[in-house]
């Protein structure tokens, strides 16, 4: 049986990706630590649901679920800005840029969780927290490196970077290679036009 790694996401416009790339470059200069795996700007997106391993024979059902959710929700916009870390900025593991969105984003994500749960893709254990991942701190980072990263994050201020018009939900395939992840869009479902 053929299996792929897949996730559902919202694409970012190229101009916003460029701004995020600049934010990453500024952080790299201030942090200057090799213990962070930076996400290339071209790979940045808003993940709504990570599916993990998906059987190729299940793909039509997954596409149907995404299409059904898209047909129940209208297009909307979210803004991007602010810097933070999970689990906290004092103990950074994931460095992110924040998202401010209307309730519609949470509604779409919740609807995806519900429909995909019926197909055997369990919901996330943690509540949904909309963000764009800039980089991941390696588990091998020593306490001094983590402290330096934390200090850099607390000093750097990041305002509004741009807005994203959410018009489609995308299903992506993720292939891990020697140079990092390669994402391929397998399916795109348009949200309803606004009245």
Protein backbone atom coordinates (compact mmCIF):
# COMPACT_ATOMS: atom_id res chain seq x y z
CA UNK A 1 0.00 0.00 0.00
CA UNK A 2 1.36 3.41 -0.99
CA UNK A 3 1.45 6.07 1.75
CA UNK A 4 2.30 9.79 1.68
CA UNK A 5 2.82 12.38 4.43
CA UNK A 6 0.21 15.10 4.07
CA UNK A 7 -1.22 18.24 5.66
CA UNK A 8 -3.89 20.86 5.00
CA UNK A 9 -2.83 24.50 4.90
CA UNK A 10 -3.42 28.04 3.71
CA UNK A 11 -0.85 29.49 1.30
CA UNK A 12 0.90 32.80 1.90
CA UNK A 13 1.41 35.45 -0.81
CA UNK A 14 4.95 35.81 -2.19
CA UNK A 15 5.42 39.36 -0.83
CA UNK A 16 4.63 38.17 2.72
CA UNK A 17 7.00 35.20 2.30
CA UNK A 18 9.75 37.71 1.38
CA UNK A 19 9.05 39.75 4.53
CA UNK A 20 9.11 36.57 6.65
CA UNK A 21 12.41 35.61 5.00
CA UNK A 22 13.81 38.99 6.08
CA UNK A 23 12.57 38.43 9.65
CA UNK A 24 14.35 35.05 9.67
CA UNK A 25 17.54 36.65 8.32
CA UNK A 26 17.44 39.32 11.07
CA UNK A 27 16.90 36.67 13.72
CA UNK A 28 19.75 34.56 12.36
CA UNK A 29 22.06 37.58 12.72
CA UNK A 30 20.99 38.34 16.27
CA UNK A 31 20.84 34.74 17.50
CA UNK A 32 23.78 33.36 15.47
CA UNK A 33 23.28 29.81 16.73
CA UNK A 34 23.48 26.66 14.58
CA UNK A 35 20.97 24.90 16.88
CA UNK A 36 17.96 26.34 15.02
CA UNK A 37 16.56 24.66 11.92
CA UNK A 38 15.11 27.57 9.94
CA UNK A 39 12.07 27.06 7.71
CA UNK A 40 12.68 28.39 4.18
CA UNK A 41 10.19 31.19 3.42
CA UNK A 42 8.93 29.31 0.36
CA UNK A 43 7.80 26.51 2.72
CA UNK A 44 5.97 28.81 5.14
CA UNK A 45 2.21 28.38 5.31
CA UNK A 46 -0.56 28.28 7.90
CA UNK A 47 -1.08 24.63 8.80
CA UNK A 48 -4.71 23.83 9.61
CA UNK A 49 -4.35 20.07 10.02
CA UNK A 50 -1.33 17.77 9.92
CA UNK A 51 -2.56 14.39 8.69
CA UNK A 52 0.68 12.43 8.88
CA UNK A 53 0.69 9.22 6.84
CA UNK A 54 -2.19 9.03 4.37
CA UNK A 55 -2.92 6.01 2.20
CA UNK A 56 -3.10 7.00 -1.47
CA UNK A 57 -6.41 5.09 -1.64
CA UNK A 58 -7.77 7.44 1.09
CA UNK A 59 -6.90 10.64 -0.80
CA UNK A 60 -10.29 10.94 -2.56
CA UNK A 61 -12.07 10.82 0.83
CA UNK A 62 -9.68 13.41 2.30
CA UNK A 63 -10.27 15.68 -0.72
CA UNK A 64 -14.04 15.27 -0.33
CA UNK A 65 -13.78 16.28 3.35
CA UNK A 66 -11.75 19.39 2.48
CA UNK A 67 -14.19 20.29 -0.31
CA UNK A 68 -17.17 19.90 2.05
CA UNK A 69 -15.59 22.23 4.63
CA UNK A 70 -14.71 24.80 1.93
CA UNK A 71 -18.33 24.80 0.73
CA UNK A 72 -19.52 25.64 4.28
CA UNK A 73 -17.25 28.66 4.89
CA UNK A 74 -16.74 32.08 3.34
CA UNK A 75 -13.45 33.69 2.40
CA UNK A 76 -11.79 35.77 5.10
CA UNK A 77 -8.61 37.65 5.93
CA UNK A 78 -6.03 37.37 8.71
CA UNK A 79 -3.12 39.60 9.67
CA UNK A 80 0.45 38.52 10.40
CA UNK A 81 2.82 40.05 12.95
CA UNK A 82 4.40 39.68 16.36
CA UNK A 83 7.06 37.21 17.44
CA UNK A 84 6.92 34.42 19.98
CA UNK A 85 7.92 30.88 20.88
CA UNK A 86 6.38 27.62 22.04
CA UNK A 87 6.11 26.53 24.78
CA UNK A 88 7.26 29.98 26.06
CA UNK A 89 9.80 32.58 25.01
CA UNK A 90 11.88 31.62 28.09
CA UNK A 91 12.02 27.98 26.90
CA UNK A 92 11.82 28.30 23.10
CA UNK A 93 11.41 25.14 21.03
CA UNK A 94 9.47 26.61 18.09
CA UNK A 95 9.99 30.23 17.00
CA UNK A 96 6.91 31.71 15.35
CA UNK A 97 5.24 34.78 13.89
CA UNK A 98 1.72 35.37 15.15
CA UNK A 99 -1.61 35.49 13.37
CA UNK A 100 -4.63 37.58 14.23
CA UNK A 101 -7.74 36.16 12.60
CA UNK A 102 -11.52 36.32 12.79
CA UNK A 103 -13.52 33.44 14.29
CA UNK A 104 -13.91 32.01 10.78
CA UNK A 105 -10.36 30.63 10.91
CA UNK A 106 -11.10 28.63 14.05
CA UNK A 107 -14.42 27.50 12.56
CA UNK A 108 -12.71 26.19 9.41
CA UNK A 109 -10.02 24.41 11.41
CA UNK A 110 -12.58 22.87 13.77
CA UNK A 111 -14.72 21.69 10.85
CA UNK A 112 -11.66 20.05 9.26
CA UNK A 113 -10.81 18.29 12.54
CA UNK A 114 -14.36 17.00 12.85
CA UNK A 115 -14.70 15.69 9.29
CA UNK A 116 -11.24 14.15 9.21
CA UNK A 117 -11.74 12.52 12.61
CA UNK A 118 -14.59 10.56 11.02
CA UNK A 119 -12.06 9.30 8.45
CA UNK A 120 -9.69 8.09 11.16
CA UNK A 121 -7.39 11.13 11.52
CA UNK A 122 -7.60 11.95 15.24
CA UNK A 123 -7.87 15.58 16.34
CA UNK A 124 -4.85 17.38 17.78
CA UNK A 125 -4.46 17.00 21.53
CA UNK A 126 -3.47 20.66 21.94
CA UNK A 127 -5.89 23.47 21.10
CA UNK A 128 -5.36 25.10 17.70
CA UNK A 129 -2.96 28.05 17.87
CA UNK A 130 -2.61 29.85 14.54
CA UNK A 131 1.03 30.71 13.82
CA UNK A 132 3.74 30.62 11.13
CA UNK A 133 6.81 28.63 12.11
CA UNK A 134 10.12 30.40 11.46
CA UNK A 135 12.42 27.83 13.03
CA UNK A 136 12.77 24.94 15.46
CA UNK A 137 15.33 24.82 18.25
CA UNK A 138 17.23 21.52 18.31
CA UNK A 139 16.71 19.30 21.35
CA UNK A 140 20.52 19.20 21.63
CA UNK A 141 20.68 22.95 22.40
CA UNK A 142 22.42 23.53 25.73
CA UNK A 143 20.95 25.87 28.41
CA UNK A 144 23.24 28.78 27.44
CA UNK A 145 22.15 28.55 23.79
CA UNK A 146 18.49 28.41 24.80
CA UNK A 147 18.98 31.45 27.05
CA UNK A 148 20.66 33.41 24.22
CA UNK A 149 17.76 32.56 21.87
CA UNK A 150 15.25 33.59 24.54
CA UNK A 151 17.00 36.94 25.10
CA UNK A 152 17.09 37.66 21.35
CA UNK A 153 13.37 36.92 21.01
CA UNK A 154 12.51 39.23 23.92
CA UNK A 155 14.57 42.11 22.49
CA UNK A 156 13.33 41.90 18.90
CA UNK A 157 10.03 43.68 18.25
CA UNK A 158 7.98 42.69 15.25
CA UNK A 159 4.97 44.69 14.14
CA UNK A 160 2.41 44.12 11.40
CA UNK A 161 3.90 42.27 8.40
CA UNK A 162 0.88 41.94 6.13
CA UNK A 163 -2.56 40.48 5.55
CA UNK A 164 -3.56 37.21 3.92
CA UNK A 165 -6.74 36.74 1.91
CA UNK A 166 -7.86 33.16 2.56
CA UNK A 167 -9.60 31.97 -0.59
CA UNK A 168 -8.62 28.28 -0.76
CA UNK A 169 -7.81 25.30 1.45
CA UNK A 170 -4.86 23.28 0.13
CA UNK A 171 -3.91 19.66 0.59
CA UNK A 172 -0.13 19.22 0.50
CA UNK A 173 2.14 16.25 0.17
CA UNK A 174 5.37 16.52 2.18
CA UNK A 175 8.49 14.69 1.01
CA UNK A 176 11.53 14.82 3.28
CA UNK A 177 14.83 15.01 1.44
CA UNK A 178 18.47 15.75 2.21
CA UNK A 179 17.88 19.49 1.66
CA UNK A 180 14.70 19.60 3.78
CA UNK A 181 11.00 19.20 3.07
CA UNK A 182 9.53 19.54 -0.41
CA UNK A 183 5.83 20.42 -0.50
CA UNK A 184 3.58 19.60 -3.44
CA UNK A 185 -0.01 20.86 -3.66
CA UNK A 186 -2.29 17.91 -4.46
CA UNK A 187 -5.66 19.64 -4.19
CA UNK A 188 -7.14 23.11 -3.71
CA UNK A 189 -10.73 23.78 -2.59
CA UNK A 190 -12.13 27.33 -2.96
CA UNK A 191 -14.02 28.84 -0.06
CA UNK A 192 -17.39 30.48 -0.72
CA UNK A 193 -17.36 33.97 -2.26
CA UNK A 194 -18.31 36.72 0.18
CA UNK A 195 -21.78 38.14 -0.32
